[in-house]
Amino acid sequence: MYVLTGGLGAPETARLREACERTALPLKEPAAQDPQGLASHVADDLLVAFVAAEADGSAPFALGEITREGAYVVLVQAAPTAKGTLAAVRSGAGFVMAAPLDVERLVPFLTYLRDVAAPASAQVLDLDEAGVLSTPSASVRLSEAEAKALRALADRRAVIVPRPDLLRLTGEDPRDVIEALRARFREVGSGAQILKVPHMGFRLVGEVRLRATA
């Protein structure tokens, strides 16, 4: 997952950059003169875009290209008012923040979106026959045990996979394999999660698409 910014001034961009560094989220900063605007920088694993609002509080352009796959939009207003907030909501923004942005507030906000409320499109992963796990932003090669465990979780998506099944498939302690997979998810910036169900096993939250090796 990554964060996108558009139209913010240098001080706001610097604060957002610091918050992204502290939450391990890449920040894309398109050039101001980019003729294609933000739309050309929107990928399926976009988490949230921070956009500078117009003087009346509304969005400077249609937000549909950003929000169509579930990504969030934060409109940053110089002087928020009730009327401006209403204009932002009508523009399609999910959140409104006031300038100057506060890093200490941005960090928990981004952490919540990343860990709890990631868009469904950011929870999709590709796994090929060679064990390479990919998102639009990054890829990593899994160990044999990790790949076998992830395929088992993907085959039984939204269903609990018992620990004995994972032990039989991988030959390794399921807890260690799952922790390794969670680390891999973070490496490729995925919002997918593997939940532990006490005394039962593990369940995948997200989608893993099994691909043939190119």
Protein backbone atom coordinates (compact mmCIF):
# COMPACT_ATOMS: atom_id res chain seq x y z
CA MET A 1 0.00 0.00 0.00
CA TYR A 2 1.05 3.59 -0.48
CA VAL A 3 -0.07 7.19 0.11
CA LEU A 4 -0.59 9.75 -2.64
CA THR A 5 -0.52 13.52 -2.37
CA GLY A 6 -1.65 16.29 -4.68
CA GLY A 7 -1.59 20.06 -4.46
CA LEU A 8 -0.25 20.32 -0.91
CA GLY A 9 2.24 23.03 -0.03
CA ALA A 10 5.80 22.17 0.94
CA PRO A 11 5.20 22.33 4.73
CA GLU A 12 2.18 19.99 4.57
CA THR A 13 3.97 17.58 2.24
CA ALA A 14 6.95 17.48 4.60
CA ARG A 15 4.72 16.62 7.56
CA LEU A 16 2.91 13.94 5.57
CA ARG A 17 6.26 12.53 4.42
CA GLU A 18 7.43 12.23 8.03
CA ALA A 19 4.20 10.46 9.05
CA CYS A 20 4.56 8.05 6.14
CA GLU A 21 8.15 7.28 7.09
CA ARG A 22 7.06 6.54 10.66
CA THR A 23 4.32 4.18 9.47
CA ALA A 24 6.44 2.52 6.75
CA LEU A 25 4.08 3.66 3.99
CA PRO A 26 5.59 4.88 0.70
CA LEU A 27 4.53 8.37 -0.34
CA LYS A 28 4.07 9.22 -4.02
CA GLU A 29 4.43 12.91 -4.83
CA PRO A 30 3.53 13.60 -8.49
CA ALA A 31 5.05 16.70 -10.00
CA ALA A 32 2.77 19.71 -9.83
CA GLN A 33 2.98 20.18 -13.60
CA ASP A 34 2.06 16.55 -14.36
CA PRO A 35 -0.49 16.93 -17.20
CA GLN A 36 -2.27 13.70 -16.26
CA GLY A 37 -2.75 14.71 -12.64
CA LEU A 38 -3.20 12.21 -9.85
CA ALA A 39 -5.25 9.73 -11.91
CA SER A 40 -2.16 8.31 -13.61
CA HIS A 41 -0.65 7.51 -10.20
CA VAL A 42 -3.62 5.55 -8.84
CA ALA A 43 -3.01 1.79 -8.52
CA ASP A 44 -5.11 -0.93 -6.95
CA ASP A 45 -3.11 -0.85 -3.71
CA LEU A 46 -3.56 2.88 -3.05
CA LEU A 47 -4.50 3.41 0.59
CA VAL A 48 -5.27 7.13 0.83
CA ALA A 49 -4.73 10.36 -1.10
CA PHE A 50 -4.23 13.73 0.56
CA VAL A 51 -5.51 16.51 -1.69
CA ALA A 52 -5.48 20.26 -1.17
CA ALA A 53 -9.03 21.63 -1.19
CA GLU A 54 -10.32 24.62 -3.09
CA ALA A 55 -11.04 27.85 -1.23
CA ASP A 56 -14.67 26.81 -0.69
CA GLY A 57 -13.57 23.46 0.79
CA SER A 58 -14.50 21.33 -2.22
CA ALA A 59 -12.23 19.03 -4.19
CA PRO A 60 -10.26 20.61 -7.07
CA PHE A 61 -11.26 17.75 -9.40
CA ALA A 62 -13.55 14.73 -9.52
CA LEU A 63 -12.41 12.17 -6.96
CA GLY A 64 -13.98 9.13 -8.63
CA GLU A 65 -10.69 7.96 -10.17
CA ILE A 66 -9.17 7.79 -6.70
CA THR A 67 -12.08 6.31 -4.77
CA ARG A 68 -13.46 3.85 -7.33
CA GLU A 69 -11.48 0.89 -5.90
CA GLY A 70 -12.07 1.86 -2.28
CA ALA A 71 -9.10 4.13 -1.57
CA TYR A 72 -9.71 7.01 0.82
CA VAL A 73 -9.40 10.74 0.15
CA VAL A 74 -8.47 13.36 2.72
CA LEU A 75 -9.19 16.94 1.69
CA VAL A 76 -6.81 19.34 3.41
CA GLN A 77 -8.46 22.71 4.01
CA ALA A 78 -6.74 25.92 5.02
CA ALA A 79 -9.59 27.03 7.26
CA PRO A 80 -12.28 24.37 7.76
CA THR A 81 -15.86 25.55 8.20
CA ALA A 82 -19.18 23.74 8.38
CA LYS A 83 -19.95 24.85 4.85
CA GLY A 84 -16.51 23.76 3.65
CA THR A 85 -16.86 20.35 5.29
CA LEU A 86 -20.20 19.84 3.58
CA ALA A 87 -18.62 20.79 0.25
CA ALA A 88 -15.83 18.27 0.87
CA VAL A 89 -18.26 15.46 1.62
CA ARG A 90 -20.30 16.30 -1.47
CA SER A 91 -17.08 16.13 -3.49
CA GLY A 92 -16.63 12.52 -2.39
CA ALA A 93 -13.96 12.95 0.27
CA GLY A 94 -14.04 10.57 3.21
CA PHE A 95 -12.11 12.83 5.59
CA VAL A 96 -11.32 16.50 6.10
CA MET A 97 -8.19 17.75 7.84
CA ALA A 98 -7.08 21.27 8.66
CA ALA A 99 -3.77 22.77 7.73
CA PRO A 100 -1.23 22.73 9.22
CA LEU A 101 -1.22 18.92 9.35
CA ASP A 102 -0.15 17.42 12.67
CA VAL A 103 2.32 14.54 12.41
CA GLU A 104 1.27 13.16 15.80
CA ARG A 105 -2.30 12.86 14.52
CA LEU A 106 -1.35 11.63 11.08
CA VAL A 107 0.63 8.66 12.41
CA PRO A 108 -2.26 6.96 14.26
CA PHE A 109 -4.64 7.83 11.41
CA LEU A 110 -2.44 6.17 8.81
CA THR A 111 -1.76 3.23 11.12
CA TYR A 112 -5.49 2.66 11.55
CA LEU A 113 -6.16 2.74 7.81
CA ARG A 114 -3.22 0.41 7.14
CA ASP A 115 -3.91 -2.16 9.85
CA VAL A 116 -7.70 -2.07 10.28
CA ALA A 117 -9.43 -0.43 7.34
CA ALA A 118 -7.36 -1.20 4.25
CA PRO A 119 -9.50 -1.12 1.06
CA ALA A 120 -10.43 -4.50 -0.37
CA SER A 121 -8.38 -3.75 -3.49
CA ALA A 122 -5.27 -3.36 -1.29
CA GLN A 123 -5.85 -6.83 0.19
CA VAL A 124 -5.28 -8.64 -3.12
CA LEU A 125 -2.03 -10.53 -3.68
CA ASP A 126 -0.66 -12.59 -6.56
CA LEU A 127 1.28 -15.80 -5.93
CA ASP A 128 2.94 -17.59 -8.82
CA GLU A 129 4.09 -21.19 -9.12
CA ALA A 130 7.65 -20.21 -8.22
CA GLY A 131 6.51 -18.79 -4.89
CA VAL A 132 6.82 -15.11 -5.81
CA LEU A 133 4.29 -13.01 -3.91
CA SER A 134 3.36 -9.71 -5.56
CA THR A 135 1.32 -6.54 -5.26
CA PRO A 136 1.32 -3.65 -7.75
CA SER A 137 4.06 -2.03 -5.63
CA ALA A 138 6.49 -4.83 -4.77
CA SER A 139 7.26 -8.54 -4.88
CA VAL A 140 9.10 -11.05 -2.70
CA ARG A 141 9.97 -14.74 -3.00
CA LEU A 142 8.47 -16.97 -0.32
CA SER A 143 10.11 -19.99 1.21
CA GLU A 144 8.65 -23.36 0.28
CA ALA A 145 6.89 -23.62 3.65
CA GLU A 146 5.49 -20.09 3.39
CA ALA A 147 4.16 -20.72 -0.13
CA LYS A 148 2.49 -23.99 0.89
CA ALA A 149 0.84 -22.37 3.90
CA LEU A 150 -0.38 -19.38 1.88
CA ARG A 151 -1.84 -21.61 -0.83
CA ALA A 152 -3.71 -23.57 1.84
CA LEU A 153 -5.09 -20.36 3.32
CA ALA A 154 -6.02 -19.08 -0.16
CA ASP A 155 -7.78 -22.32 -1.08
CA ARG A 156 -9.92 -22.00 2.03
CA ARG A 157 -10.39 -18.26 1.99
CA ALA A 158 -12.46 -16.94 4.92
CA VAL A 159 -12.40 -20.45 6.43
CA ILE A 160 -10.29 -21.46 9.42
CA VAL A 161 -7.32 -23.66 8.49
CA PRO A 162 -6.43 -25.87 11.48
CA ARG A 163 -2.88 -25.82 12.84
CA PRO A 164 -2.40 -29.58 12.27
CA ASP A 165 -3.15 -29.07 8.56
CA LEU A 166 -0.51 -26.37 8.28
CA LEU A 167 2.00 -28.47 10.21
CA ARG A 168 1.37 -31.43 7.90
CA LEU A 169 1.71 -29.30 4.76
CA THR A 170 4.80 -27.34 5.76
CA GLY A 171 6.62 -29.56 8.22
CA GLU A 172 7.28 -26.46 10.33
CA ASP A 173 5.72 -24.81 13.38
CA PRO A 174 2.59 -23.04 12.01
CA ARG A 175 3.14 -20.08 14.33
CA ASP A 176 6.57 -19.41 12.84
CA VAL A 177 5.30 -19.80 9.27
CA ILE A 178 2.37 -17.45 9.86
CA GLU A 179 4.59 -14.80 11.45
CA ALA A 180 6.91 -15.06 8.46
CA LEU A 181 3.97 -14.63 6.07
CA ARG A 182 2.75 -11.57 7.96
CA ALA A 183 6.23 -10.09 7.57
CA ARG A 184 6.09 -10.86 3.83
CA PHE A 185 2.73 -9.08 3.58
CA ARG A 186 4.34 -6.01 5.14
CA GLU A 187 7.28 -6.24 2.76
CA VAL A 188 5.04 -5.99 -0.30
CA GLY A 189 2.74 -3.39 1.31
CA SER A 190 -0.39 -5.52 1.39
CA GLY A 191 -3.45 -4.87 3.52
CA ALA A 192 -4.25 -8.60 3.65
CA GLN A 193 -4.14 -10.20 7.08
CA ILE A 194 -3.88 -13.64 8.62
CA LEU A 195 -6.00 -13.85 11.74
CA LYS A 196 -5.33 -16.25 14.58
CA VAL A 197 -8.40 -18.07 15.85
CA PRO A 198 -7.52 -19.26 19.38
CA HIS A 199 -7.26 -23.04 19.80
CA MET A 200 -8.37 -23.59 16.21
CA GLY A 201 -6.08 -22.23 13.53
CA PHE A 202 -5.70 -19.33 11.12
CA ARG A 203 -7.87 -17.51 8.60
CA LEU A 204 -6.94 -15.33 5.64
CA VAL A 205 -8.56 -11.90 5.29
CA GLY A 206 -7.94 -10.86 1.72
CA GLU A 207 -7.51 -12.57 -1.63
CA VAL A 208 -4.57 -14.49 -3.06
CA ARG A 209 -4.71 -15.02 -6.81
CA LEU A 210 -2.72 -18.07 -7.90
CA ARG A 211 -0.87 -17.35 -11.14
CA ALA A 212 1.16 -19.40 -13.57
CA THR A 213 4.85 -18.51 -13.66
CA ALA A 214 5.58 -16.13 -16.55
